[in-house]
Amino acid sequence: MTQLNSHQKPRRGRLFPELTISPEEQAKRQAELEAFQQRGRVIFEKLRPQLIEKHYNWFMYIEPDSGDYFIAPDSMVAVQQALEKYPQRRFATFRLNETGVCGRI
């Protein structure tokens, strides 16, 4: 049977404590993400009535800074189109339906 050394303390905590993000930084990142998504939502709401009839349930990737959007029936095809034009950008993702939601929770 193995005995524990009484001088060793059990290790607890994160694997990489230097990567811990403060609550303030987390709140800032969350606010930035919500603002980014809202800019994409504005563009989506403008385009949805025109596109929903012919492209119902297709995926839509929007680059909010330029206003460009990419649609395809398959998510991977749409994101590939978007990344070809803007390889270093982030995209707001929507689905061309009544809510714009891509999946279920």
N, C-alpha and C. Protein backbone atom coordinates (compact mmCIF):
# COMPACT_ATOMS: atom_id res chain seq x y z
N MET A 1 0.83 -1.17 0.00
CA MET A 1 0.00 0.00 0.00
C MET A 1 0.89 1.25 0.00
N THR A 2 0.47 2.26 -0.76
CA THR A 2 1.26 3.48 -0.89
C THR A 2 0.86 4.47 0.19
N GLN A 3 1.85 5.05 0.81
CA GLN A 3 1.58 6.06 1.83
C GLN A 3 1.88 7.43 1.25
N LEU A 4 1.05 8.38 1.61
CA LEU A 4 1.27 9.74 1.18
C LEU A 4 2.31 10.40 2.08
N ASN A 5 3.14 11.20 1.47
CA ASN A 5 4.11 11.95 2.22
C ASN A 5 3.39 13.06 2.96
N SER A 6 3.60 13.17 4.23
CA SER A 6 2.88 14.17 5.02
C SER A 6 3.33 15.59 4.70
N HIS A 7 4.45 15.74 4.01
CA HIS A 7 4.95 17.07 3.67
C HIS A 7 4.34 17.61 2.38
N GLN A 8 3.73 16.75 1.58
CA GLN A 8 3.13 17.21 0.33
C GLN A 8 1.72 17.71 0.57
N LYS A 9 1.42 18.83 -0.06
CA LYS A 9 0.07 19.35 0.00
C LYS A 9 -0.62 18.99 -1.31
N PRO A 10 -1.89 18.65 -1.25
CA PRO A 10 -2.59 18.35 -2.50
C PRO A 10 -2.66 19.59 -3.38
N ARG A 11 -2.46 19.40 -4.68
CA ARG A 11 -2.53 20.51 -5.62
C ARG A 11 -3.98 20.74 -6.00
N ARG A 12 -4.36 21.98 -5.96
CA ARG A 12 -5.72 22.34 -6.33
C ARG A 12 -5.69 23.60 -7.16
N GLY A 13 -6.72 23.76 -7.97
CA GLY A 13 -6.84 24.98 -8.75
C GLY A 13 -6.70 24.71 -10.23
N ARG A 14 -6.50 25.79 -10.96
CA ARG A 14 -6.42 25.72 -12.41
C ARG A 14 -5.10 25.13 -12.86
N LEU A 15 -5.12 24.54 -14.05
CA LEU A 15 -3.88 24.05 -14.63
C LEU A 15 -2.95 25.20 -15.02
N PHE A 16 -3.53 26.27 -15.54
CA PHE A 16 -2.75 27.42 -15.97
C PHE A 16 -3.30 28.68 -15.29
N PRO A 17 -2.93 28.92 -14.05
CA PRO A 17 -3.50 30.07 -13.35
C PRO A 17 -3.15 31.41 -14.01
N GLU A 18 -2.07 31.47 -14.77
CA GLU A 18 -1.71 32.71 -15.43
C GLU A 18 -2.69 33.07 -16.55
N LEU A 19 -3.52 32.12 -16.98
CA LEU A 19 -4.50 32.37 -18.02
C LEU A 19 -5.88 32.73 -17.47
N THR A 20 -5.99 32.90 -16.17
CA THR A 20 -7.25 33.26 -15.55
C THR A 20 -7.62 34.69 -15.93
N ILE A 21 -8.87 34.89 -16.31
CA ILE A 21 -9.35 36.20 -16.73
C ILE A 21 -10.17 36.80 -15.58
N SER A 22 -9.92 38.06 -15.31
CA SER A 22 -10.64 38.73 -14.22
C SER A 22 -12.12 38.89 -14.60
N PRO A 23 -12.99 39.00 -13.61
CA PRO A 23 -14.42 39.21 -13.90
C PRO A 23 -14.68 40.48 -14.72
N GLU A 24 -13.88 41.52 -14.51
CA GLU A 24 -14.03 42.75 -15.28
C GLU A 24 -13.71 42.50 -16.76
N GLU A 25 -12.64 41.76 -17.00
CA GLU A 25 -12.26 41.44 -18.38
C GLU A 25 -13.31 40.54 -19.04
N GLN A 26 -13.86 39.60 -18.29
CA GLN A 26 -14.92 38.75 -18.82
C GLN A 26 -16.15 39.58 -19.20
N ALA A 27 -16.52 40.52 -18.35
CA ALA A 27 -17.68 41.37 -18.63
C ALA A 27 -17.41 42.25 -19.84
N LYS A 28 -16.19 42.75 -19.98
CA LYS A 28 -15.84 43.59 -21.13
C LYS A 28 -15.93 42.78 -22.43
N ARG A 29 -15.39 41.57 -22.41
CA ARG A 29 -15.44 40.71 -23.60
C ARG A 29 -16.87 40.35 -23.97
N GLN A 30 -17.68 40.08 -22.97
CA GLN A 30 -19.09 39.74 -23.22
C GLN A 30 -19.83 40.93 -23.83
N ALA A 31 -19.55 42.13 -23.34
CA ALA A 31 -20.20 43.33 -23.88
C ALA A 31 -19.77 43.56 -25.33
N GLU A 32 -18.48 43.35 -25.62
CA GLU A 32 -17.99 43.50 -26.99
C GLU A 32 -18.65 42.50 -27.92
N LEU A 33 -18.79 41.26 -27.47
CA LEU A 33 -19.42 40.22 -28.27
C LEU A 33 -20.89 40.56 -28.55
N GLU A 34 -21.60 41.03 -27.54
CA GLU A 34 -23.01 41.39 -27.73
C GLU A 34 -23.16 42.58 -28.67
N ALA A 35 -22.25 43.55 -28.59
CA ALA A 35 -22.30 44.70 -29.49
C ALA A 35 -22.02 44.26 -30.93
N PHE A 36 -21.06 43.36 -31.11
CA PHE A 36 -20.74 42.82 -32.43
C PHE A 36 -21.94 42.08 -33.01
N GLN A 37 -22.55 41.24 -32.21
CA GLN A 37 -23.71 40.46 -32.65
C GLN A 37 -24.88 41.38 -32.99
N GLN A 38 -25.05 42.44 -32.23
CA GLN A 38 -26.14 43.38 -32.49
C GLN A 38 -25.94 44.11 -33.81
N ARG A 39 -24.69 44.46 -34.15
CA ARG A 39 -24.42 45.10 -35.44
C ARG A 39 -24.78 44.15 -36.58
N GLY A 40 -24.49 42.88 -36.41
CA GLY A 40 -24.86 41.89 -37.41
C GLY A 40 -26.36 41.70 -37.49
N ARG A 41 -27.04 41.75 -36.34
CA ARG A 41 -28.49 41.57 -36.28
C ARG A 41 -29.21 42.67 -37.06
N VAL A 42 -28.70 43.90 -37.00
CA VAL A 42 -29.31 45.02 -37.72
C VAL A 42 -29.29 44.74 -39.23
N ILE A 43 -28.15 44.29 -39.73
CA ILE A 43 -28.03 43.97 -41.16
C ILE A 43 -28.94 42.80 -41.52
N PHE A 44 -28.97 41.78 -40.64
CA PHE A 44 -29.82 40.61 -40.88
C PHE A 44 -31.29 41.00 -40.98
N GLU A 45 -31.75 41.86 -40.08
CA GLU A 45 -33.16 42.27 -40.08
C GLU A 45 -33.52 43.03 -41.36
N LYS A 46 -32.58 43.79 -41.92
CA LYS A 46 -32.85 44.50 -43.18
C LYS A 46 -32.98 43.53 -44.35
N LEU A 47 -32.13 42.50 -44.37
CA LEU A 47 -32.07 41.58 -45.51
C LEU A 47 -33.05 40.42 -45.43
N ARG A 48 -33.48 40.07 -44.25
CA ARG A 48 -34.30 38.88 -44.06
C ARG A 48 -35.57 38.86 -44.91
N PRO A 49 -36.37 39.93 -44.98
CA PRO A 49 -37.60 39.86 -45.78
C PRO A 49 -37.35 39.54 -47.26
N GLN A 50 -36.25 40.04 -47.81
CA GLN A 50 -35.95 39.79 -49.22
C GLN A 50 -35.49 38.35 -49.47
N LEU A 51 -34.70 37.82 -48.54
CA LEU A 51 -34.04 36.54 -48.77
C LEU A 51 -34.80 35.32 -48.26
N ILE A 52 -35.70 35.51 -47.30
CA ILE A 52 -36.34 34.37 -46.65
C ILE A 52 -37.23 33.57 -47.60
N GLU A 53 -37.81 34.23 -48.59
CA GLU A 53 -38.72 33.53 -49.50
C GLU A 53 -37.99 32.48 -50.35
N LYS A 54 -36.86 32.86 -50.92
CA LYS A 54 -36.14 31.95 -51.81
C LYS A 54 -35.12 31.07 -51.09
N HIS A 55 -34.65 31.53 -49.93
CA HIS A 55 -33.56 30.83 -49.24
C HIS A 55 -33.93 30.46 -47.81
N TYR A 56 -35.11 29.95 -47.60
CA TYR A 56 -35.57 29.63 -46.25
C TYR A 56 -34.68 28.57 -45.60
N ASN A 57 -34.26 28.84 -44.36
CA ASN A 57 -33.44 27.97 -43.53
C ASN A 57 -31.99 27.86 -44.02
N TRP A 58 -31.55 28.74 -44.88
CA TRP A 58 -30.15 28.76 -45.28
C TRP A 58 -29.35 29.49 -44.21
N PHE A 59 -28.06 29.24 -44.18
CA PHE A 59 -27.17 29.91 -43.24
C PHE A 59 -26.69 31.22 -43.83
N MET A 60 -26.51 32.19 -42.95
CA MET A 60 -26.08 33.52 -43.38
C MET A 60 -24.96 33.99 -42.46
N TYR A 61 -23.81 34.31 -43.06
CA TYR A 61 -22.68 34.85 -42.32
C TYR A 61 -22.52 36.31 -42.72
N ILE A 62 -22.49 37.19 -41.74
CA ILE A 62 -22.43 38.63 -41.99
C ILE A 62 -21.15 39.20 -41.40
N GLU A 63 -20.46 40.00 -42.20
CA GLU A 63 -19.29 40.75 -41.71
C GLU A 63 -19.80 42.16 -41.43
N PRO A 64 -20.04 42.51 -40.15
CA PRO A 64 -20.73 43.76 -39.82
C PRO A 64 -20.00 45.03 -40.23
N ASP A 65 -18.67 45.03 -40.27
CA ASP A 65 -17.94 46.25 -40.60
C ASP A 65 -18.17 46.67 -42.05
N SER A 66 -18.19 45.70 -42.96
CA SER A 66 -18.37 46.02 -44.37
C SER A 66 -19.83 45.89 -44.81
N GLY A 67 -20.62 45.09 -44.09
CA GLY A 67 -22.00 44.84 -44.47
C GLY A 67 -22.15 43.71 -45.47
N ASP A 68 -21.04 43.06 -45.84
CA ASP A 68 -21.10 41.93 -46.75
C ASP A 68 -21.71 40.72 -46.05
N TYR A 69 -22.42 39.91 -46.83
CA TYR A 69 -23.01 38.70 -46.27
C TYR A 69 -22.83 37.55 -47.25
N PHE A 70 -22.86 36.35 -46.72
CA PHE A 70 -22.66 35.14 -47.50
C PHE A 70 -23.73 34.15 -47.08
N ILE A 71 -24.47 33.60 -48.05
CA ILE A 71 -25.52 32.64 -47.73
C ILE A 71 -25.30 31.35 -48.50
N ALA A 72 -25.68 30.25 -47.88
CA ALA A 72 -25.60 28.93 -48.50
C ALA A 72 -26.49 27.98 -47.70
N PRO A 73 -26.95 26.89 -48.33
CA PRO A 73 -27.79 25.94 -47.60
C PRO A 73 -27.01 25.17 -46.55
N ASP A 74 -25.68 25.10 -46.70
CA ASP A 74 -24.83 24.38 -45.76
C ASP A 74 -23.94 25.38 -45.03
N SER A 75 -23.84 25.23 -43.73
CA SER A 75 -23.05 26.16 -42.92
C SER A 75 -21.58 26.19 -43.34
N MET A 76 -21.02 25.04 -43.63
CA MET A 76 -19.59 24.97 -43.99
C MET A 76 -19.32 25.69 -45.32
N VAL A 77 -20.23 25.62 -46.24
CA VAL A 77 -20.06 26.30 -47.53
C VAL A 77 -20.11 27.81 -47.32
N ALA A 78 -21.05 28.27 -46.52
CA ALA A 78 -21.19 29.71 -46.28
C ALA A 78 -19.97 30.27 -45.56
N VAL A 79 -19.48 29.56 -44.56
CA VAL A 79 -18.31 30.07 -43.83
C VAL A 79 -17.07 30.01 -44.70
N GLN A 80 -16.97 29.04 -45.58
CA GLN A 80 -15.84 28.97 -46.49
C GLN A 80 -15.85 30.16 -47.45
N GLN A 81 -17.02 30.52 -47.96
CA GLN A 81 -17.13 31.70 -48.83
C GLN A 81 -16.70 32.95 -48.07
N ALA A 82 -17.16 33.07 -46.85
CA ALA A 82 -16.84 34.25 -46.05
C ALA A 82 -15.34 34.34 -45.76
N LEU A 83 -14.73 33.21 -45.42
CA LEU A 83 -13.31 33.21 -45.09
C LEU A 83 -12.43 33.43 -46.31
N GLU A 84 -12.91 33.09 -47.50
CA GLU A 84 -12.14 33.37 -48.70
C GLU A 84 -11.98 34.86 -48.91
N LYS A 85 -13.03 35.62 -48.64
CA LYS A 85 -12.96 37.06 -48.84
C LYS A 85 -12.35 37.78 -47.63
N TYR A 86 -12.68 37.33 -46.42
CA TYR A 86 -12.18 37.96 -45.20
C TYR A 86 -11.55 36.90 -44.29
N PRO A 87 -10.31 36.51 -44.56
CA PRO A 87 -9.71 35.41 -43.80
C PRO A 87 -9.44 35.72 -42.32
N GLN A 88 -9.29 36.97 -41.96
CA GLN A 88 -8.94 37.31 -40.58
C GLN A 88 -10.06 38.00 -39.83
N ARG A 89 -11.28 37.91 -40.29
CA ARG A 89 -12.40 38.61 -39.66
C ARG A 89 -13.31 37.65 -38.91
N ARG A 90 -14.15 38.22 -38.06
CA ARG A 90 -15.19 37.45 -37.36
C ARG A 90 -16.51 37.72 -38.06
N PHE A 91 -17.43 36.77 -37.93
CA PHE A 91 -18.71 36.87 -38.61
C PHE A 91 -19.84 36.63 -37.63
N ALA A 92 -20.94 37.35 -37.85
CA ALA A 92 -22.17 37.09 -37.13
C ALA A 92 -22.92 36.03 -37.93
N THR A 93 -23.39 34.99 -37.27
CA THR A 93 -24.03 33.86 -37.93
C THR A 93 -25.53 33.85 -37.64
N PHE A 94 -26.31 33.70 -38.70
CA PHE A 94 -27.77 33.63 -38.56
C PHE A 94 -28.30 32.55 -39.49
N ARG A 95 -29.57 32.25 -39.32
CA ARG A 95 -30.26 31.34 -40.22
C ARG A 95 -31.47 32.08 -40.77
N LEU A 96 -31.72 31.94 -42.03
CA LEU A 96 -32.83 32.66 -42.68
C LEU A 96 -34.15 31.99 -42.33
N ASN A 97 -34.65 32.29 -41.15
CA ASN A 97 -35.96 31.83 -40.71
C ASN A 97 -36.62 32.95 -39.90
N GLU A 98 -37.68 32.67 -39.23
CA GLU A 98 -38.41 33.71 -38.52
C GLU A 98 -37.62 34.33 -37.37
N THR A 99 -36.76 33.55 -36.72
CA THR A 99 -36.03 34.03 -35.55
C THR A 99 -34.57 34.35 -35.84
N GLY A 100 -33.98 33.72 -36.84
CA GLY A 100 -32.57 33.91 -37.12
C GLY A 100 -31.67 32.99 -36.34
N VAL A 101 -32.25 32.12 -35.52
CA VAL A 101 -31.48 31.22 -34.67
C VAL A 101 -31.02 30.02 -35.48
N CYS A 102 -29.76 29.59 -35.23
CA CYS A 102 -29.16 28.51 -36.00
C CYS A 102 -29.42 27.13 -35.42
N GLY A 103 -29.66 27.03 -34.15
CA GLY A 103 -29.82 25.71 -33.55
C GLY A 103 -30.78 25.74 -32.39
N ARG A 104 -30.78 24.66 -31.61
CA ARG A 104 -31.64 24.55 -30.44
C ARG A 104 -30.81 24.58 -29.17
N ILE A 105 -31.41 25.08 -28.13
CA ILE A 105 -30.73 25.05 -26.82
C ILE A 105 -31.42 24.04 -25.96
